[in-house]
Amino acid sequence: MSHDPLDLEKYSWQTLQGKPIRFDEWKGKVVLVVNVASQCGFTPQYEGLQKLYDTYKDRGFTILGFPCNQFGFQEPGDADQIQSFCSATYQVDFPILAKVNVNGDDAHPFYKDLKKAAPGLLGTEAVKWNFTKFLINREGQVVERFAPRTEPSEIVQEIEKLL
């Protein structure tokens, strides 16, 4: 894991509603970044992610969900469909941002830097599948990368250490 903090202020995104948003909003918080999809075998993890968010949001923790359609085309919907699915199916109220690419030349710059800071198995930088998770401490350092099959409940201790 890289010990250099990411320059979080250089990144910008859009909300699912198309409004620009900057990372400043989460500066000084512990952040779990997850690439999400509505039609994936791991999609039920939304429930565990929401539980983490509910448990720790008042202690300086947030989750950022980045919908991505690069893995088996499992996030084909538009912004309204994604929002509706997350809200109706899993009562998600942590921030879900606009759809991004996490791999390839057109990957979002934030994801390029995340992957460099926390390479996966055998040093590969590519995100392997939906629901890969990156944990960022209050100083903006990527402290850990978790595999798609790692359940949200399995990372409680790591989150608590950072809070």
C-alpha atoms as a PDB file:
ATOM      1  CA  MET A   1       0.000   0.000   0.000  1.00  0.00           C
ATOM      2  CA  SER A   2       1.187   3.475  -0.770  1.00  0.00           C
ATOM      3  CA  HIS A   3       1.862   5.726   2.176  1.00  0.00           C
ATOM      4  CA  ASP A   4       1.608   8.880   0.100  1.00  0.00           C
ATOM      5  CA  PRO A   5      -1.818  10.430   0.511  1.00  0.00           C
ATOM      6  CA  LEU A   6      -3.855  10.866  -2.652  1.00  0.00           C
ATOM      7  CA  ASP A   7      -4.304  14.481  -3.669  1.00  0.00           C
ATOM      8  CA  LEU A   8      -8.028  14.174  -3.139  1.00  0.00           C
ATOM      9  CA  GLU A   9      -8.754  17.766  -4.052  1.00  0.00           C
ATOM     10  CA  LYS A  10      -7.757  17.184  -7.667  1.00  0.00           C
ATOM     11  CA  TYR A  11     -10.612  14.753  -8.329  1.00  0.00           C
ATOM     12  CA  SER A  12     -14.118  15.651  -9.248  1.00  0.00           C
ATOM     13  CA  TRP A  13     -17.149  13.565 -10.033  1.00  0.00           C
ATOM     14  CA  GLN A  14     -20.780  13.889 -10.749  1.00  0.00           C
ATOM     15  CA  THR A  15     -23.612  12.629  -8.635  1.00  0.00           C
ATOM     16  CA  LEU A  16     -26.107  10.273 -10.244  1.00  0.00           C
ATOM     17  CA  GLN A  17     -28.239  13.374 -10.756  1.00  0.00           C
ATOM     18  CA  GLY A  18     -25.440  14.976 -12.806  1.00  0.00           C
ATOM     19  CA  LYS A  19     -24.361  17.573 -10.219  1.00  0.00           C
ATOM     20  CA  PRO A  20     -20.613  18.183  -9.908  1.00  0.00           C
ATOM     21  CA  ILE A  21     -19.155  17.100  -6.588  1.00  0.00           C
ATOM     22  CA  ARG A  22     -15.664  17.367  -5.105  1.00  0.00           C
ATOM     23  CA  PHE A  23     -13.844  15.147  -2.658  1.00  0.00           C
ATOM     24  CA  ASP A  24     -13.511  18.107  -0.248  1.00  0.00           C
ATOM     25  CA  GLU A  25     -16.867  17.035   1.127  1.00  0.00           C
ATOM     26  CA  TRP A  26     -15.251  13.926   2.608  1.00  0.00           C
ATOM     27  CA  LYS A  27     -11.889  15.397   3.560  1.00  0.00           C
ATOM     28  CA  GLY A  28     -10.805  14.170   6.984  1.00  0.00           C
ATOM     29  CA  LYS A  29     -13.160  11.187   6.874  1.00  0.00           C
ATOM     30  CA  VAL A  30     -12.502   7.480   6.563  1.00  0.00           C
ATOM     31  CA  VAL A  31     -13.799   6.521   3.112  1.00  0.00           C
ATOM     32  CA  LEU A  32     -14.641   3.132   1.633  1.00  0.00           C
ATOM     33  CA  VAL A  33     -14.671   3.285  -2.175  1.00  0.00           C
ATOM     34  CA  VAL A  34     -16.588   0.507  -3.965  1.00  0.00           C
ATOM     35  CA  ASN A  35     -17.288  -0.099  -7.639  1.00  0.00           C
ATOM     36  CA  VAL A  36     -20.884  -1.305  -7.644  1.00  0.00           C
ATOM     37  CA  ALA A  37     -23.322  -2.986 -10.039  1.00  0.00           C
ATOM     38  CA  SER A  38     -27.036  -3.754  -9.858  1.00  0.00           C
ATOM     39  CA  GLN A  39     -27.000  -7.152 -11.568  1.00  0.00           C
ATOM     40  CA  CYS A  40     -23.972  -8.863 -10.023  1.00  0.00           C
ATOM     41  CA  GLY A  41     -23.761 -11.921  -7.788  1.00  0.00           C
ATOM     42  CA  PHE A  42     -22.181  -9.613  -5.193  1.00  0.00           C
ATOM     43  CA  THR A  43     -24.995  -7.025  -5.399  1.00  0.00           C
ATOM     44  CA  PRO A  44     -26.503  -8.222  -2.060  1.00  0.00           C
ATOM     45  CA  GLN A  45     -23.402  -6.643  -0.462  1.00  0.00           C
ATOM     46  CA  TYR A  46     -25.314  -3.351  -0.749  1.00  0.00           C
ATOM     47  CA  GLU A  47     -27.126  -4.489   2.396  1.00  0.00           C
ATOM     48  CA  GLY A  48     -23.871  -4.914   4.362  1.00  0.00           C
ATOM     49  CA  LEU A  49     -22.447  -1.684   2.977  1.00  0.00           C
ATOM     50  CA  GLN A  50     -25.542   0.226   4.095  1.00  0.00           C
ATOM     51  CA  LYS A  51     -25.222  -1.352   7.554  1.00  0.00           C
ATOM     52  CA  LEU A  52     -21.570  -0.176   7.771  1.00  0.00           C
ATOM     53  CA  TYR A  53     -22.629   3.298   6.674  1.00  0.00           C
ATOM     54  CA  ASP A  54     -25.462   3.458   9.239  1.00  0.00           C
ATOM     55  CA  THR A  55     -23.158   2.230  12.015  1.00  0.00           C
ATOM     56  CA  TYR A  56     -20.211   4.571  11.396  1.00  0.00           C
ATOM     57  CA  LYS A  57     -21.421   7.635   9.466  1.00  0.00           C
ATOM     58  CA  ASP A  58     -21.713   9.697  12.655  1.00  0.00           C
ATOM     59  CA  ARG A  59     -18.088   8.888  13.532  1.00  0.00           C
ATOM     60  CA  GLY A  60     -16.538  10.322  10.364  1.00  0.00           C
ATOM     61  CA  PHE A  61     -17.018   7.449   7.906  1.00  0.00           C
ATOM     62  CA  THR A  62     -18.579   7.340   4.466  1.00  0.00           C
ATOM     63  CA  ILE A  63     -18.918   5.018   1.514  1.00  0.00           C
ATOM     64  CA  LEU A  64     -18.673   6.142  -2.099  1.00  0.00           C
ATOM     65  CA  GLY A  65     -20.304   3.846  -4.625  1.00  0.00           C
ATOM     66  CA  PHE A  66     -19.119   4.077  -8.219  1.00  0.00           C
ATOM     67  CA  PRO A  67     -21.406   2.205 -10.637  1.00  0.00           C
ATOM     68  CA  CYS A  68     -19.403   0.485 -13.358  1.00  0.00           C
ATOM     69  CA  ASN A  69     -20.543  -1.515 -16.389  1.00  0.00           C
ATOM     70  CA  GLN A  70     -17.140  -3.016 -17.266  1.00  0.00           C
ATOM     71  CA  PHE A  71     -17.675  -6.443 -15.701  1.00  0.00           C
ATOM     72  CA  GLY A  72     -20.171  -8.642 -17.513  1.00  0.00           C
ATOM     73  CA  PHE A  73     -22.267  -5.562 -18.373  1.00  0.00           C
ATOM     74  CA  GLN A  74     -23.891  -5.875 -14.947  1.00  0.00           C
ATOM     75  CA  GLU A  75     -24.682  -2.161 -14.580  1.00  0.00           C
ATOM     76  CA  PRO A  76     -26.483  -1.391 -17.857  1.00  0.00           C
ATOM     77  CA  GLY A  77     -28.988   1.064 -16.407  1.00  0.00           C
ATOM     78  CA  ASP A  78     -29.000   4.831 -16.610  1.00  0.00           C
ATOM     79  CA  ALA A  79     -28.639   7.058 -13.555  1.00  0.00           C
ATOM     80  CA  ASP A  80     -32.356   7.008 -12.685  1.00  0.00           C
ATOM     81  CA  GLN A  81     -32.516   3.213 -12.904  1.00  0.00           C
ATOM     82  CA  ILE A  82     -29.410   2.830 -10.728  1.00  0.00           C
ATOM     83  CA  GLN A  83     -30.754   5.269  -8.108  1.00  0.00           C
ATOM     84  CA  SER A  84     -34.152   3.631  -8.095  1.00  0.00           C
ATOM     85  CA  PHE A  85     -32.666   0.138  -7.734  1.00  0.00           C
ATOM     86  CA  CYS A  86     -30.349   1.148  -4.864  1.00  0.00           C
ATOM     87  CA  SER A  87     -33.065   3.000  -2.981  1.00  0.00           C
ATOM     88  CA  ALA A  88     -35.939   0.575  -3.503  1.00  0.00           C
ATOM     89  CA  THR A  89     -34.048  -2.699  -3.198  1.00  0.00           C
ATOM     90  CA  TYR A  90     -31.449  -1.953  -0.531  1.00  0.00           C
ATOM     91  CA  GLN A  91     -32.515   1.426   0.980  1.00  0.00           C
ATOM     92  CA  VAL A  92     -29.053   2.759   0.111  1.00  0.00           C
ATOM     93  CA  ASP A  93     -28.508   6.331   1.235  1.00  0.00           C
ATOM     94  CA  PHE A  94     -24.709   6.585   1.058  1.00  0.00           C
ATOM     95  CA  PRO A  95     -23.423   8.525  -1.964  1.00  0.00           C
ATOM     96  CA  ILE A  96     -23.716   6.723  -5.298  1.00  0.00           C
ATOM     97  CA  LEU A  97     -21.878   8.677  -7.965  1.00  0.00           C
ATOM     98  CA  ALA A  98     -22.185   8.739 -11.743  1.00  0.00           C
ATOM     99  CA  LYS A  99     -21.109   5.653 -13.671  1.00  0.00           C
ATOM    100  CA  VAL A 100     -17.345   5.411 -14.323  1.00  0.00           C
ATOM    101  CA  ASN A 101     -14.812   3.086 -15.884  1.00  0.00           C
ATOM    102  CA  VAL A 102     -12.352   1.647 -13.376  1.00  0.00           C
ATOM    103  CA  ASN A 103     -10.025  -0.133 -15.835  1.00  0.00           C
ATOM    104  CA  GLY A 104      -8.500   0.727 -19.189  1.00  0.00           C
ATOM    105  CA  ASP A 105      -7.244   3.913 -20.783  1.00  0.00           C
ATOM    106  CA  ASP A 106     -10.482   5.747 -20.042  1.00  0.00           C
ATOM    107  CA  ALA A 107     -10.594   4.762 -16.356  1.00  0.00           C
ATOM    108  CA  HIS A 108     -11.437   7.666 -14.065  1.00  0.00           C
ATOM    109  CA  PRO A 109      -8.177   9.311 -12.836  1.00  0.00           C
ATOM    110  CA  PHE A 110      -9.251   8.629  -9.235  1.00  0.00           C
ATOM    111  CA  TYR A 111      -9.380   4.896  -9.969  1.00  0.00           C
ATOM    112  CA  LYS A 112      -6.039   4.988 -11.765  1.00  0.00           C
ATOM    113  CA  ASP A 113      -4.469   6.483  -8.632  1.00  0.00           C
ATOM    114  CA  LEU A 114      -6.342   4.162  -6.244  1.00  0.00           C
ATOM    115  CA  LYS A 115      -5.099   1.079  -8.101  1.00  0.00           C
ATOM    116  CA  LYS A 116      -1.531   2.368  -8.160  1.00  0.00           C
ATOM    117  CA  ALA A 117      -1.669   3.073  -4.406  1.00  0.00           C
ATOM    118  CA  ALA A 118      -3.140  -0.347  -3.566  1.00  0.00           C
ATOM    119  CA  PRO A 119      -2.328  -3.014  -6.145  1.00  0.00           C
ATOM    120  CA  GLY A 120      -4.204  -6.283  -6.002  1.00  0.00           C
ATOM    121  CA  LEU A 121      -3.048  -9.871  -5.971  1.00  0.00           C
ATOM    122  CA  LEU A 122       0.466 -10.350  -7.371  1.00  0.00           C
ATOM    123  CA  GLY A 123       0.822  -6.608  -7.880  1.00  0.00           C
ATOM    124  CA  THR A 124      -1.818  -6.337 -10.584  1.00  0.00           C
ATOM    125  CA  GLU A 125      -3.414  -2.918 -10.682  1.00  0.00           C
ATOM    126  CA  ALA A 126      -6.580  -3.875 -12.568  1.00  0.00           C
ATOM    127  CA  VAL A 127      -9.840  -4.059 -10.660  1.00  0.00           C
ATOM    128  CA  LYS A 128     -10.887  -7.690 -10.976  1.00  0.00           C
ATOM    129  CA  TRP A 129     -14.670  -7.411 -10.621  1.00  0.00           C
ATOM    130  CA  ASN A 130     -17.582  -5.465  -9.143  1.00  0.00           C
ATOM    131  CA  PHE A 131     -17.484  -4.695  -5.421  1.00  0.00           C
ATOM    132  CA  THR A 132     -13.716  -4.325  -5.134  1.00  0.00           C
ATOM    133  CA  LYS A 133     -13.229  -2.082  -2.089  1.00  0.00           C
ATOM    134  CA  PHE A 134     -10.547   0.487  -1.241  1.00  0.00           C
ATOM    135  CA  LEU A 135     -10.256   1.859   2.306  1.00  0.00           C
ATOM    136  CA  ILE A 136      -8.861   5.390   2.680  1.00  0.00           C
ATOM    137  CA  ASN A 137      -7.856   6.852   6.045  1.00  0.00           C
ATOM    138  CA  ARG A 138      -8.552  10.392   7.304  1.00  0.00           C
ATOM    139  CA  GLU A 139      -5.233  11.582   5.841  1.00  0.00           C
ATOM    140  CA  GLY A 140      -6.193  10.422   2.344  1.00  0.00           C
ATOM    141  CA  GLN A 141      -3.907   7.376   2.283  1.00  0.00           C
ATOM    142  CA  VAL A 142      -5.178   4.169   0.704  1.00  0.00           C
ATOM    143  CA  VAL A 143      -4.635   1.686   3.510  1.00  0.00           C
ATOM    144  CA  GLU A 144      -6.165  -1.487   2.124  1.00  0.00           C
ATOM    145  CA  ARG A 145      -7.774  -3.082  -0.912  1.00  0.00           C
ATOM    146  CA  PHE A 146     -10.390  -5.807  -0.478  1.00  0.00           C
ATOM    147  CA  ALA A 147     -11.474  -8.425  -2.988  1.00  0.00           C
ATOM    148  CA  PRO A 148     -15.016  -8.462  -4.391  1.00  0.00           C
ATOM    149  CA  ARG A 149     -15.961 -11.487  -2.307  1.00  0.00           C
ATOM    150  CA  THR A 150     -14.881  -9.815   0.961  1.00  0.00           C
ATOM    151  CA  GLU A 151     -18.144  -9.121   2.766  1.00  0.00           C
ATOM    152  CA  PRO A 152     -18.587  -5.640   4.270  1.00  0.00           C
ATOM    153  CA  SER A 153     -18.920  -7.204   7.745  1.00  0.00           C
ATOM    154  CA  GLU A 154     -15.393  -8.623   7.374  1.00  0.00           C
ATOM    155  CA  ILE A 155     -13.796  -5.157   7.291  1.00  0.00           C
ATOM    156  CA  VAL A 156     -15.356  -3.732  10.460  1.00  0.00           C
ATOM    157  CA  GLN A 157     -12.088  -4.059  12.446  1.00  0.00           C
ATOM    158  CA  GLU A 158     -10.087  -2.167   9.806  1.00  0.00           C
ATOM    159  CA  ILE A 159     -12.674   0.634   9.768  1.00  0.00           C
ATOM    160  CA  GLU A 160     -12.759   0.850  13.574  1.00  0.00           C
ATOM    161  CA  LYS A 161      -8.953   1.099  13.721  1.00  0.00           C
ATOM    162  CA  LEU A 162      -9.094   4.166  11.462  1.00  0.00           C
ATOM    163  CA  LEU A 163     -11.919   5.884  13.333  1.00  0.00           C
END
